[in-house]
Full PDB file with SEQRES, HELIX, SHEET, SSBOND, CRYST1, ORIGX, SCALE, CONECT and MASTER records, all heavy atoms in Angstrom:
SEQRES   1 A   32  ARG PHE ASP GLY PRO PRO GLY SER GLY LEU PRO GLN GLN          
SEQRES   2 A   32  ARG GLN GLU PRO ILE ILE VAL SER THR LEU GLY ASN VAL          
SEQRES   3 A   32  LEU ARG VAL LEU LEU ALA                                      
HELIX    1 AA1 LEU A   23  LEU A   31  1                                   9    
CRYST1    1.000    1.000    1.000  90.00  90.00  90.00 P 1           1          
ORIGX1      1.000000  0.000000  0.000000        0.00000                         
ORIGX2      0.000000  1.000000  0.000000        0.00000                         
ORIGX3      0.000000  0.000000  1.000000        0.00000                         
SCALE1      1.000000  0.000000  0.000000        0.00000                         
SCALE2      0.000000  1.000000  0.000000        0.00000                         
SCALE3      0.000000  0.000000  1.000000        0.00000                         
ATOM      1  N   ARG A   1      -0.561  -1.851   0.980  1.00  0.00           N  
ATOM      2  CA  ARG A   1       0.523  -1.437   1.888  1.00  0.00           C  
ATOM      3  C   ARG A   1       1.438  -2.712   2.197  1.00  0.00           C  
ATOM      4  O   ARG A   1       0.829  -3.845   2.458  1.00  0.00           O  
ATOM      5  CB  ARG A   1       0.035  -0.953   3.217  1.00  0.00           C  
ATOM      6  CG  ARG A   1       1.057  -0.429   4.222  1.00  0.00           C  
ATOM      7  CD  ARG A   1       0.631   0.326   5.306  1.00  0.00           C  
ATOM      8  NE  ARG A   1       1.677   0.982   5.988  1.00  0.00           N  
ATOM      9  CZ  ARG A   1       1.966   0.765   7.210  1.00  0.00           C  
ATOM     10  NH1 ARG A   1       1.401  -0.202   7.901  1.00  0.00           N  
ATOM     11  NH2 ARG A   1       2.966   1.470   7.658  1.00  0.00           N  
ATOM     12  N   PHE A   2       2.715  -2.571   2.122  1.00  0.00           N  
ATOM     13  CA  PHE A   2       3.664  -3.593   2.388  1.00  0.00           C  
ATOM     14  C   PHE A   2       4.195  -3.507   3.836  1.00  0.00           C  
ATOM     15  O   PHE A   2       4.253  -2.380   4.391  1.00  0.00           O  
ATOM     16  CB  PHE A   2       4.751  -3.594   1.404  1.00  0.00           C  
ATOM     17  CG  PHE A   2       4.285  -3.858   0.068  1.00  0.00           C  
ATOM     18  CD1 PHE A   2       4.173  -2.735  -0.820  1.00  0.00           C  
ATOM     19  CD2 PHE A   2       3.965  -5.096  -0.422  1.00  0.00           C  
ATOM     20  CE1 PHE A   2       3.636  -3.033  -2.163  1.00  0.00           C  
ATOM     21  CE2 PHE A   2       3.485  -5.271  -1.674  1.00  0.00           C  
ATOM     22  CZ  PHE A   2       3.262  -4.286  -2.466  1.00  0.00           C  
ATOM     23  N   ASP A   3       4.458  -4.574   4.513  1.00  0.00           N  
ATOM     24  CA  ASP A   3       4.915  -4.571   5.854  1.00  0.00           C  
ATOM     25  C   ASP A   3       6.310  -4.100   6.205  1.00  0.00           C  
ATOM     26  O   ASP A   3       6.671  -3.339   7.053  1.00  0.00           O  
ATOM     27  CB  ASP A   3       4.924  -6.008   6.440  1.00  0.00           C  
ATOM     28  CG  ASP A   3       3.539  -6.551   6.501  1.00  0.00           C  
ATOM     29  OD1 ASP A   3       2.548  -5.682   6.697  1.00  0.00           O  
ATOM     30  OD2 ASP A   3       3.190  -7.693   6.319  1.00  0.00           O  
ATOM     31  N   GLY A   4       7.231  -4.275   5.189  1.00  0.00           N  
ATOM     32  CA  GLY A   4       8.540  -3.887   5.412  1.00  0.00           C  
ATOM     33  C   GLY A   4       9.406  -3.708   4.175  1.00  0.00           C  
ATOM     34  O   GLY A   4       8.897  -4.144   3.088  1.00  0.00           O  
ATOM     35  N   PRO A   5      10.480  -2.945   4.194  1.00  0.00           N  
ATOM     36  CA  PRO A   5      11.271  -2.756   3.018  1.00  0.00           C  
ATOM     37  C   PRO A   5      11.855  -3.984   2.363  1.00  0.00           C  
ATOM     38  O   PRO A   5      12.050  -5.103   3.221  1.00  0.00           O  
ATOM     39  CB  PRO A   5      12.463  -1.888   3.435  1.00  0.00           C  
ATOM     40  CG  PRO A   5      12.494  -2.101   4.905  1.00  0.00           C  
ATOM     41  CD  PRO A   5      11.155  -2.448   5.384  1.00  0.00           C  
ATOM     42  N   PRO A   6      12.091  -4.127   1.176  1.00  0.00           N  
ATOM     43  CA  PRO A   6      12.769  -5.324   0.510  1.00  0.00           C  
ATOM     44  C   PRO A   6      14.053  -5.660   1.259  1.00  0.00           C  
ATOM     45  O   PRO A   6      14.731  -4.759   1.759  1.00  0.00           O  
ATOM     46  CB  PRO A   6      13.010  -4.900  -0.861  1.00  0.00           C  
ATOM     47  CG  PRO A   6      12.211  -3.774  -1.196  1.00  0.00           C  
ATOM     48  CD  PRO A   6      11.839  -3.105   0.187  1.00  0.00           C  
ATOM     49  N   GLY A   7      14.206  -6.913   1.561  1.00  0.00           N  
ATOM     50  CA  GLY A   7      15.408  -7.426   2.247  1.00  0.00           C  
ATOM     51  C   GLY A   7      15.287  -7.334   3.708  1.00  0.00           C  
ATOM     52  O   GLY A   7      16.158  -7.758   4.422  1.00  0.00           O  
ATOM     53  N   SER A   8      14.130  -6.927   4.410  1.00  0.00           N  
ATOM     54  CA  SER A   8      14.040  -6.831   5.755  1.00  0.00           C  
ATOM     55  C   SER A   8      13.503  -8.144   6.325  1.00  0.00           C  
ATOM     56  O   SER A   8      13.576  -8.285   7.603  1.00  0.00           O  
ATOM     57  CB  SER A   8      12.859  -5.820   6.183  1.00  0.00           C  
ATOM     58  OG  SER A   8      11.567  -6.129   5.720  1.00  0.00           O  
ATOM     59  N   GLY A   9      13.065  -9.035   5.549  1.00  0.00           N  
ATOM     60  CA  GLY A   9      12.597 -10.311   6.141  1.00  0.00           C  
ATOM     61  C   GLY A   9      11.076 -10.303   6.445  1.00  0.00           C  
ATOM     62  O   GLY A   9      10.455 -11.244   6.718  1.00  0.00           O  
ATOM     63  N   LEU A  10      10.455  -9.072   6.283  1.00  0.00           N  
ATOM     64  CA  LEU A  10       9.124  -9.018   6.533  1.00  0.00           C  
ATOM     65  C   LEU A  10       8.279  -9.234   5.158  1.00  0.00           C  
ATOM     66  O   LEU A  10       8.814  -9.025   4.157  1.00  0.00           O  
ATOM     67  CB  LEU A  10       8.777  -7.512   7.079  1.00  0.00           C  
ATOM     68  CG  LEU A  10       9.276  -7.206   8.395  1.00  0.00           C  
ATOM     69  CD1 LEU A  10       9.109  -5.636   8.640  1.00  0.00           C  
ATOM     70  CD2 LEU A  10       8.670  -7.954   9.495  1.00  0.00           C  
ATOM     71  N   PRO A  11       7.030  -9.696   5.390  1.00  0.00           N  
ATOM     72  CA  PRO A  11       6.337 -10.092   4.109  1.00  0.00           C  
ATOM     73  C   PRO A  11       6.250  -8.914   3.143  1.00  0.00           C  
ATOM     74  O   PRO A  11       5.980  -7.787   3.478  1.00  0.00           O  
ATOM     75  CB  PRO A  11       4.880 -10.313   4.646  1.00  0.00           C  
ATOM     76  CG  PRO A  11       5.134 -10.643   6.115  1.00  0.00           C  
ATOM     77  CD  PRO A  11       6.274  -9.823   6.550  1.00  0.00           C  
ATOM     78  N   GLN A  12       6.570  -9.181   1.853  1.00  0.00           N  
ATOM     79  CA  GLN A  12       6.312  -8.234   0.755  1.00  0.00           C  
ATOM     80  C   GLN A  12       5.150  -8.571  -0.149  1.00  0.00           C  
ATOM     81  O   GLN A  12       4.919  -7.888  -1.095  1.00  0.00           O  
ATOM     82  CB  GLN A  12       7.584  -8.228  -0.093  1.00  0.00           C  
ATOM     83  CG  GLN A  12       8.789  -7.643   0.561  1.00  0.00           C  
ATOM     84  CD  GLN A  12       8.566  -6.188   1.065  1.00  0.00           C  
ATOM     85  OE1 GLN A  12       8.290  -5.292   0.103  1.00  0.00           O  
ATOM     86  NE2 GLN A  12       8.577  -5.814   2.270  1.00  0.00           N  
ATOM     87  N   GLN A  13       4.445  -9.748   0.120  1.00  0.00           N  
ATOM     88  CA  GLN A  13       3.463 -10.034  -0.746  1.00  0.00           C  
ATOM     89  C   GLN A  13       2.262  -9.169  -0.492  1.00  0.00           C  
ATOM     90  O   GLN A  13       2.037  -8.526   0.447  1.00  0.00           O  
ATOM     91  CB  GLN A  13       2.904 -11.557  -0.505  1.00  0.00           C  
ATOM     92  CG  GLN A  13       2.249 -11.840   0.849  1.00  0.00           C  
ATOM     93  CD  GLN A  13       3.303 -12.164   1.942  1.00  0.00           C  
ATOM     94  OE1 GLN A  13       4.348 -11.972   1.700  1.00  0.00           O  
ATOM     95  NE2 GLN A  13       2.710 -12.644   3.008  1.00  0.00           N  
ATOM     96  N   ARG A  14       1.463  -9.031  -1.554  1.00  0.00           N  
ATOM     97  CA  ARG A  14       0.345  -8.086  -1.602  1.00  0.00           C  
ATOM     98  C   ARG A  14      -0.802  -8.603  -0.601  1.00  0.00           C  
ATOM     99  O   ARG A  14      -1.130  -9.817  -0.730  1.00  0.00           O  
ATOM    100  CB  ARG A  14      -0.124  -8.011  -2.911  1.00  0.00           C  
ATOM    101  CG  ARG A  14      -1.058  -6.861  -3.133  1.00  0.00           C  
ATOM    102  CD  ARG A  14      -1.663  -6.886  -4.633  1.00  0.00           C  
ATOM    103  NE  ARG A  14      -0.725  -6.311  -5.504  1.00  0.00           N  
ATOM    104  CZ  ARG A  14      -0.891  -6.099  -6.783  1.00  0.00           C  
ATOM    105  NH1 ARG A  14      -1.968  -6.551  -7.240  1.00  0.00           N  
ATOM    106  NH2 ARG A  14       0.026  -5.436  -7.413  1.00  0.00           N  
ATOM    107  N   GLN A  15      -1.260  -7.839   0.215  1.00  0.00           N  
ATOM    108  CA  GLN A  15      -2.298  -8.108   1.182  1.00  0.00           C  
ATOM    109  C   GLN A  15      -3.673  -7.696   0.470  1.00  0.00           C  
ATOM    110  O   GLN A  15      -3.745  -7.194  -0.699  1.00  0.00           O  
ATOM    111  CB  GLN A  15      -2.184  -7.433   2.448  1.00  0.00           C  
ATOM    112  CG  GLN A  15      -0.827  -7.802   3.099  1.00  0.00           C  
ATOM    113  CD  GLN A  15      -0.554  -9.208   3.526  1.00  0.00           C  
ATOM    114  OE1 GLN A  15      -1.584  -9.913   3.977  1.00  0.00           O  
ATOM    115  NE2 GLN A  15       0.595  -9.705   3.402  1.00  0.00           N  
ATOM    116  N   GLU A  16      -4.729  -7.719   1.276  1.00  0.00           N  
ATOM    117  CA  GLU A  16      -6.052  -7.244   0.660  1.00  0.00           C  
ATOM    118  C   GLU A  16      -5.802  -5.632   0.563  1.00  0.00           C  
ATOM    119  O   GLU A  16      -5.113  -5.050   1.295  1.00  0.00           O  
ATOM    120  CB  GLU A  16      -7.122  -7.483   1.708  1.00  0.00           C  
ATOM    121  CG  GLU A  16      -7.609  -8.952   1.801  1.00  0.00           C  
ATOM    122  CD  GLU A  16      -8.173  -9.327   0.420  1.00  0.00           C  
ATOM    123  OE1 GLU A  16      -8.969  -8.754  -0.189  1.00  0.00           O  
ATOM    124  OE2 GLU A  16      -7.654 -10.476   0.036  1.00  0.00           O  
ATOM    125  N   PRO A  17      -6.460  -5.053  -0.410  1.00  0.00           N  
ATOM    126  CA  PRO A  17      -6.311  -3.635  -0.700  1.00  0.00           C  
ATOM    127  C   PRO A  17      -6.790  -2.934   0.609  1.00  0.00           C  
ATOM    128  O   PRO A  17      -7.783  -3.332   1.088  1.00  0.00           O  
ATOM    129  CB  PRO A  17      -7.161  -3.219  -1.847  1.00  0.00           C  
ATOM    130  CG  PRO A  17      -7.945  -4.422  -2.134  1.00  0.00           C  
ATOM    131  CD  PRO A  17      -7.296  -5.661  -1.469  1.00  0.00           C  
ATOM    132  N   ILE A  18      -6.277  -1.760   0.875  1.00  0.00           N  
ATOM    133  CA  ILE A  18      -6.671  -0.943   2.039  1.00  0.00           C  
ATOM    134  C   ILE A  18      -7.663   0.139   1.602  1.00  0.00           C  
ATOM    135  O   ILE A  18      -8.474   0.603   2.277  1.00  0.00           O  
ATOM    136  CB  ILE A  18      -5.588  -0.354   2.854  1.00  0.00           C  
ATOM    137  CG1 ILE A  18      -4.666   0.437   2.058  1.00  0.00           C  
ATOM    138  CG2 ILE A  18      -4.786  -1.450   3.595  1.00  0.00           C  
ATOM    139  CD1 ILE A  18      -3.569   1.222   2.812  1.00  0.00           C  
ATOM    140  N   ILE A  19      -7.724   0.467   0.281  1.00  0.00           N  
ATOM    141  CA  ILE A  19      -8.550   1.285  -0.300  1.00  0.00           C  
ATOM    142  C   ILE A  19      -8.881   0.943  -1.804  1.00  0.00           C  
ATOM    143  O   ILE A  19      -7.970   0.580  -2.504  1.00  0.00           O  
ATOM    144  CB  ILE A  19      -8.029   2.853  -0.341  1.00  0.00           C  
ATOM    145  CG1 ILE A  19      -7.829   3.331   1.028  1.00  0.00           C  
ATOM    146  CG2 ILE A  19      -8.933   3.748  -1.151  1.00  0.00           C  
ATOM    147  CD1 ILE A  19      -7.068   4.734   0.955  1.00  0.00           C  
ATOM    148  N   VAL A  20     -10.053   0.917  -2.053  1.00  0.00           N  
ATOM    149  CA  VAL A  20     -10.469   0.758  -3.540  1.00  0.00           C  
ATOM    150  C   VAL A  20     -11.308   1.969  -3.919  1.00  0.00           C  
ATOM    151  O   VAL A  20     -12.349   2.218  -3.335  1.00  0.00           O  
ATOM    152  CB  VAL A  20     -11.346  -0.574  -3.687  1.00  0.00           C  
ATOM    153  CG1 VAL A  20     -11.784  -0.724  -5.162  1.00  0.00           C  
ATOM    154  CG2 VAL A  20     -10.486  -1.814  -3.308  1.00  0.00           C  
ATOM    155  N   SER A  21     -10.812   2.732  -4.916  1.00  0.00           N  
ATOM    156  CA  SER A  21     -11.510   3.916  -5.212  1.00  0.00           C  
ATOM    157  C   SER A  21     -10.883   4.357  -6.655  1.00  0.00           C  
ATOM    158  O   SER A  21     -10.364   3.551  -7.355  1.00  0.00           O  
ATOM    159  CB  SER A  21     -11.227   5.051  -4.279  1.00  0.00           C  
ATOM    160  OG  SER A  21     -12.049   6.177  -4.550  1.00  0.00           O  
ATOM    161  N   THR A  22     -11.062   5.549  -6.942  1.00  0.00           N  
ATOM    162  CA  THR A  22     -10.545   6.077  -8.196  1.00  0.00           C  
ATOM    163  C   THR A  22      -8.954   6.345  -7.986  1.00  0.00           C  
ATOM    164  O   THR A  22      -8.456   6.548  -6.841  1.00  0.00           O  
ATOM    165  CB  THR A  22     -11.112   7.393  -8.759  1.00  0.00           C  
ATOM    166  OG1 THR A  22     -10.905   8.409  -7.682  1.00  0.00           O  
ATOM    167  CG2 THR A  22     -12.602   7.154  -8.922  1.00  0.00           C  
ATOM    168  N   LEU A  23      -8.190   6.424  -9.076  1.00  0.00           N  
ATOM    169  CA  LEU A  23      -6.737   6.715  -8.896  1.00  0.00           C  
ATOM    170  C   LEU A  23      -6.633   8.080  -8.275  1.00  0.00           C  
ATOM    171  O   LEU A  23      -5.751   8.249  -7.344  1.00  0.00           O  
ATOM    172  CB  LEU A  23      -6.039   6.674 -10.303  1.00  0.00           C  
ATOM    173  CG  LEU A  23      -4.582   7.123 -10.410  1.00  0.00           C  
ATOM    174  CD1 LEU A  23      -3.855   6.139  -9.505  1.00  0.00           C  
ATOM    175  CD2 LEU A  23      -4.163   7.004 -11.727  1.00  0.00           C  
ATOM    176  N   GLY A  24      -7.348   9.040  -8.549  1.00  0.00           N  
ATOM    177  CA  GLY A  24      -7.203  10.434  -7.985  1.00  0.00           C  
ATOM    178  C   GLY A  24      -7.450  10.385  -6.479  1.00  0.00           C  
ATOM    179  O   GLY A  24      -6.712  11.010  -5.715  1.00  0.00           O  
ATOM    180  N   ASN A  25      -8.450   9.637  -6.017  1.00  0.00           N  
ATOM    181  CA  ASN A  25      -8.824   9.524  -4.637  1.00  0.00           C  
ATOM    182  C   ASN A  25      -7.702   8.865  -3.881  1.00  0.00           C  
ATOM    183  O   ASN A  25      -7.312   9.186  -2.753  1.00  0.00           O  
ATOM    184  CB  ASN A  25     -10.147   8.889  -4.427  1.00  0.00           C  
ATOM    185  CG  ASN A  25     -11.326   9.682  -4.678  1.00  0.00           C  
ATOM    186  OD1 ASN A  25     -11.276  11.044  -4.744  1.00  0.00           O  
ATOM    187  ND2 ASN A  25     -12.447   9.084  -4.752  1.00  0.00           N  
ATOM    188  N   VAL A  26      -7.214   7.726  -4.472  1.00  0.00           N  
ATOM    189  CA  VAL A  26      -6.147   6.940  -3.852  1.00  0.00           C  
ATOM    190  C   VAL A  26      -4.896   7.850  -3.664  1.00  0.00           C  
ATOM    191  O   VAL A  26      -4.326   7.897  -2.489  1.00  0.00           O  
ATOM    192  CB  VAL A  26      -5.845   5.726  -4.655  1.00  0.00           C  
ATOM    193  CG1 VAL A  26      -4.581   4.980  -4.152  1.00  0.00           C  
ATOM    194  CG2 VAL A  26      -6.981   4.728  -4.495  1.00  0.00           C  
ATOM    195  N   LEU A  27      -4.549   8.593  -4.698  1.00  0.00           N  
ATOM    196  CA  LEU A  27      -3.440   9.517  -4.528  1.00  0.00           C  
ATOM    197  C   LEU A  27      -3.629  10.633  -3.465  1.00  0.00           C  
ATOM    198  O   LEU A  27      -2.705  10.934  -2.750  1.00  0.00           O  
ATOM    199  CB  LEU A  27      -3.122  10.153  -5.865  1.00  0.00           C  
ATOM    200  CG  LEU A  27      -2.591   9.129  -6.980  1.00  0.00           C  
ATOM    201  CD1 LEU A  27      -2.447   9.743  -8.412  1.00  0.00           C  
ATOM    202  CD2 LEU A  27      -1.208   8.607  -6.618  1.00  0.00           C  
ATOM    203  N   ARG A  28      -4.815  11.100  -3.416  1.00  0.00           N  
ATOM    204  CA  ARG A  28      -5.066  12.144  -2.371  1.00  0.00           C  
ATOM    205  C   ARG A  28      -4.948  11.499  -1.008  1.00  0.00           C  
ATOM    206  O   ARG A  28      -4.440  12.173  -0.015  1.00  0.00           O  
ATOM    207  CB  ARG A  28      -6.457  12.739  -2.581  1.00  0.00           C  
ATOM    208  CG  ARG A  28      -6.491  13.645  -3.571  1.00  0.00           C  
ATOM    209  CD  ARG A  28      -5.889  14.960  -3.284  1.00  0.00           C  
ATOM    210  NE  ARG A  28      -5.717  15.842  -4.361  1.00  0.00           N  
ATOM    211  CZ  ARG A  28      -4.957  16.996  -4.404  1.00  0.00           C  
ATOM    212  NH1 ARG A  28      -4.189  17.205  -3.272  1.00  0.00           N  
ATOM    213  NH2 ARG A  28      -4.902  17.701  -5.430  1.00  0.00           N  
ATOM    214  N   VAL A  29      -5.299  10.399  -0.776  1.00  0.00           N  
ATOM    215  CA  VAL A  29      -5.148   9.634   0.499  1.00  0.00           C  
ATOM    216  C   VAL A  29      -3.677   9.475   0.845  1.00  0.00           C  
ATOM    217  O   VAL A  29      -3.163   9.803   1.961  1.00  0.00           O  
ATOM    218  CB  VAL A  29      -5.799   8.261   0.480  1.00  0.00           C  
ATOM    219  CG1 VAL A  29      -5.435   7.388   1.734  1.00  0.00           C  
ATOM    220  CG2 VAL A  29      -7.367   8.431   0.487  1.00  0.00           C  
ATOM    221  N   LEU A  30      -2.907   9.053  -0.246  1.00  0.00           N  
ATOM    222  CA  LEU A  30      -1.485   9.002   0.076  1.00  0.00           C  
ATOM    223  C   LEU A  30      -0.823  10.221   0.314  1.00  0.00           C  
ATOM    224  O   LEU A  30       0.183  10.452   1.161  1.00  0.00           O  
ATOM    225  CB  LEU A  30      -0.808   8.244  -1.124  1.00  0.00           C  
ATOM    226  CG  LEU A  30      -0.850   6.857  -1.184  1.00  0.00           C  
ATOM    227  CD1 LEU A  30      -0.202   6.233  -2.396  1.00  0.00           C  
ATOM    228  CD2 LEU A  30      -0.220   6.238   0.040  1.00  0.00           C  
ATOM    229  N   LEU A  31      -1.285  11.310  -0.230  1.00  0.00           N  
ATOM    230  CA  LEU A  31      -0.717  12.765  -0.017  1.00  0.00           C  
ATOM    231  C   LEU A  31      -0.885  13.092   1.345  1.00  0.00           C  
ATOM    232  O   LEU A  31      -0.165  13.952   1.904  1.00  0.00           O  
ATOM    233  CB  LEU A  31      -1.368  13.702  -0.997  1.00  0.00           C  
ATOM    234  CG  LEU A  31      -0.743  13.664  -2.434  1.00  0.00           C  
ATOM    235  CD1 LEU A  31      -1.628  14.659  -3.322  1.00  0.00           C  
ATOM    236  CD2 LEU A  31       0.717  14.096  -2.500  1.00  0.00           C  
ATOM    237  N   ALA A  32      -1.798  12.519   2.119  1.00  0.00           N  
ATOM    238  CA  ALA A  32      -2.133  12.820   3.516  1.00  0.00           C  
ATOM    239  C   ALA A  32      -1.124  11.962   4.429  1.00  0.00           C  
ATOM    240  O   ALA A  32      -1.040  12.315   5.667  1.00  0.00           O  
ATOM    241  CB  ALA A  32      -3.508  12.509   3.770  1.00  0.00           C  
TER     242      ALA A  32                                                      
MASTER        0    0    0    1    0    0    0    6  241    1    0    3          
END                                                                             
């Protein structure tokens, strides 16, 4: 997850992952 949109001045670098799982599971979490 990124802190802010590009150009907002908020960090865009990748942080630690918030979920590590299968691609299908990660997509289901995002669908929620």
